[in-house]
């Protein structure tokens, strides 16, 4: 019983680590991580487009403040 109290947490941690590694490998092999950059690029393009659309409005506010 004393051996399990000493070795038990290490065995549980090892099994959890192996499980996490198996899930990660499964995710990579199944393609779950492919195309993750597409969302970031799509967000960036939307932000650039919104900045381009909002730019004249910001300049009008600056010109009105100067008058």
C-alpha atoms as a PDB file:
ATOM      1  CA  UNK A   1       0.000   0.000   0.000  1.00  0.00           C
ATOM      2  CA  UNK A   2       2.842   2.384   0.756  1.00  0.00           C
ATOM      3  CA  UNK A   3       4.413   1.788  -2.657  1.00  0.00           C
ATOM      4  CA  UNK A   4       1.248   2.941  -4.433  1.00  0.00           C
ATOM      5  CA  UNK A   5       1.199   6.186  -2.439  1.00  0.00           C
ATOM      6  CA  UNK A   6       4.717   6.957  -3.620  1.00  0.00           C
ATOM      7  CA  UNK A   7       4.627   5.612  -7.175  1.00  0.00           C
ATOM      8  CA  UNK A   8       0.903   6.100  -7.875  1.00  0.00           C
ATOM      9  CA  UNK A   9       0.953   9.841  -8.708  1.00  0.00           C
ATOM     10  CA  UNK A  10       3.836   9.291 -11.126  1.00  0.00           C
ATOM     11  CA  UNK A  11       1.976   6.461 -12.856  1.00  0.00           C
ATOM     12  CA  UNK A  12      -1.169   8.577 -13.148  1.00  0.00           C
ATOM     13  CA  UNK A  13       0.833  11.534 -14.508  1.00  0.00           C
ATOM     14  CA  UNK A  14       2.575   9.269 -17.014  1.00  0.00           C
ATOM     15  CA  UNK A  15      -0.745   7.815 -18.214  1.00  0.00           C
ATOM     16  CA  UNK A  16      -2.254  11.294 -18.558  1.00  0.00           C
ATOM     17  CA  UNK A  17       0.780  12.469 -20.532  1.00  0.00           C
ATOM     18  CA  UNK A  18       0.614   9.480 -22.852  1.00  0.00           C
ATOM     19  CA  UNK A  19      -3.107  10.107 -23.336  1.00  0.00           C
ATOM     20  CA  UNK A  20      -2.526  13.765 -24.186  1.00  0.00           C
ATOM     21  CA  UNK A  21       0.214  12.822 -26.628  1.00  0.00           C
ATOM     22  CA  UNK A  22      -2.073  10.274 -28.316  1.00  0.00           C
ATOM     23  CA  UNK A  23      -4.854  12.868 -28.683  1.00  0.00           C
ATOM     24  CA  UNK A  24      -2.386  15.380 -30.144  1.00  0.00           C
ATOM     25  CA  UNK A  25      -0.995  12.873 -32.650  1.00  0.00           C
ATOM     26  CA  UNK A  26      -4.531  11.830 -33.616  1.00  0.00           C
ATOM     27  CA  UNK A  27      -5.458  15.481 -34.173  1.00  0.00           C
ATOM     28  CA  UNK A  28      -2.432  16.121 -36.355  1.00  0.00           C
ATOM     29  CA  UNK A  29      -2.933  12.978 -38.423  1.00  0.00           C
ATOM     30  CA  UNK A  30      -6.669  13.601 -38.880  1.00  0.00           C
ATOM     31  CA  UNK A  31      -6.028  17.139 -40.159  1.00  0.00           C
ATOM     32  CA  UNK A  32      -7.617  19.004 -37.269  1.00  0.00           C
ATOM     33  CA  UNK A  33      -4.795  21.562 -37.264  1.00  0.00           C
ATOM     34  CA  UNK A  34      -4.708  22.196 -41.006  1.00  0.00           C
ATOM     35  CA  UNK A  35      -5.976  25.552 -42.170  1.00  0.00           C
ATOM     36  CA  UNK A  36      -5.662  27.290 -38.812  1.00  0.00           C
ATOM     37  CA  UNK A  37      -3.872  30.246 -40.402  1.00  0.00           C
ATOM     38  CA  UNK A  38      -6.773  30.889 -42.755  1.00  0.00           C
ATOM     39  CA  UNK A  39      -8.922  32.304 -39.960  1.00  0.00           C
ATOM     40  CA  UNK A  40      -6.166  34.693 -38.885  1.00  0.00           C
ATOM     41  CA  UNK A  41      -5.591  35.845 -42.454  1.00  0.00           C
ATOM     42  CA  UNK A  42      -9.334  36.318 -43.009  1.00  0.00           C
ATOM     43  CA  UNK A  43      -9.566  38.403 -39.813  1.00  0.00           C
ATOM     44  CA  UNK A  44      -6.569  40.506 -40.855  1.00  0.00           C
ATOM     45  CA  UNK A  45      -8.047  41.188 -44.285  1.00  0.00           C
ATOM     46  CA  UNK A  46     -11.370  42.245 -42.736  1.00  0.00           C
ATOM     47  CA  UNK A  47      -9.550  44.619 -40.376  1.00  0.00           C
ATOM     48  CA  UNK A  48      -7.570  46.167 -43.231  1.00  0.00           C
ATOM     49  CA  UNK A  49     -10.770  46.579 -45.232  1.00  0.00           C
ATOM     50  CA  UNK A  50     -12.565  48.168 -42.273  1.00  0.00           C
ATOM     51  CA  UNK A  51      -9.660  50.551 -41.716  1.00  0.00           C
ATOM     52  CA  UNK A  52      -9.769  51.543 -45.380  1.00  0.00           C
ATOM     53  CA  UNK A  53     -13.523  52.201 -45.178  1.00  0.00           C
ATOM     54  CA  UNK A  54     -13.295  54.114 -41.881  1.00  0.00           C
ATOM     55  CA  UNK A  55     -10.300  56.233 -42.887  1.00  0.00           C
ATOM     56  CA  UNK A  56     -12.232  59.096 -44.554  1.00  0.00           C
ATOM     57  CA  UNK A  57     -14.608  59.304 -41.598  1.00  0.00           C
ATOM     58  CA  UNK A  58     -11.703  59.704 -39.183  1.00  0.00           C
ATOM     59  CA  UNK A  59     -10.214  62.484 -41.318  1.00  0.00           C
ATOM     60  CA  UNK A  60     -13.526  64.364 -41.304  1.00  0.00           C
ATOM     61  CA  UNK A  61     -13.588  64.268 -37.506  1.00  0.00           C
ATOM     62  CA  UNK A  62     -10.038  65.651 -37.385  1.00  0.00           C
ATOM     63  CA  UNK A  63     -10.866  68.442 -39.845  1.00  0.00           C
ATOM     64  CA  UNK A  64     -13.990  69.415 -37.867  1.00  0.00           C
ATOM     65  CA  UNK A  65     -11.986  69.559 -34.645  1.00  0.00           C
ATOM     66  CA  UNK A  66      -9.459  71.923 -36.237  1.00  0.00           C
ATOM     67  CA  UNK A  67     -12.109  74.439 -37.334  1.00  0.00           C
END
